[in-house]
Amino acid sequence: QVQLVESGGGLVQAGGSLRLSCAASGRTSSDYAMAWLRQAPGKEREFVAAISWGGWNTYLADSAKGRFTISRDNAKNTVYLQMNSLKPEDTAVYYCAASPRSAGWYIQKLASGDYDYWGQGTQVTVSS
């Protein structure tokens, strides 16, 4: 069992930056691939970025490439999402999610939103 708590959301102007954090507790975070997904009002939840348990593999959605960076510090049991050049369409609730190492690193699975554990979400609002 692992508990995930997101932080770092807020209101920012278009073109600005935010860094989201996801603190994991209950189990060693290095046992999990971690990801960020988001859900905008009236839309389905969508994948943003994922990082493998050791941090050597990352995968970003096309909408995030070139603007967002996912990283992790396993010593702190924390995963980060650095978001630059934010756009109004990035407005959403951002969720942290975890998939156990035993499930492997499969892009299709990661992008589908198939995760065992979820945080409560943090709101990101980008004004134009």
Foldseek 3Di string as FASTA:
>chain_A
DKAKAKDWADEEAAQAKIKMKIAIDDDQQLQWKKFKWWDDPPGDIFGAKIAHSVRPDIDGDPVQPPFWDWGDDSVRRMIMIIGGRDDQVVWTWMKMFIAGCVVPDDVVCRGVPDGDYIYPTDTHGYHD
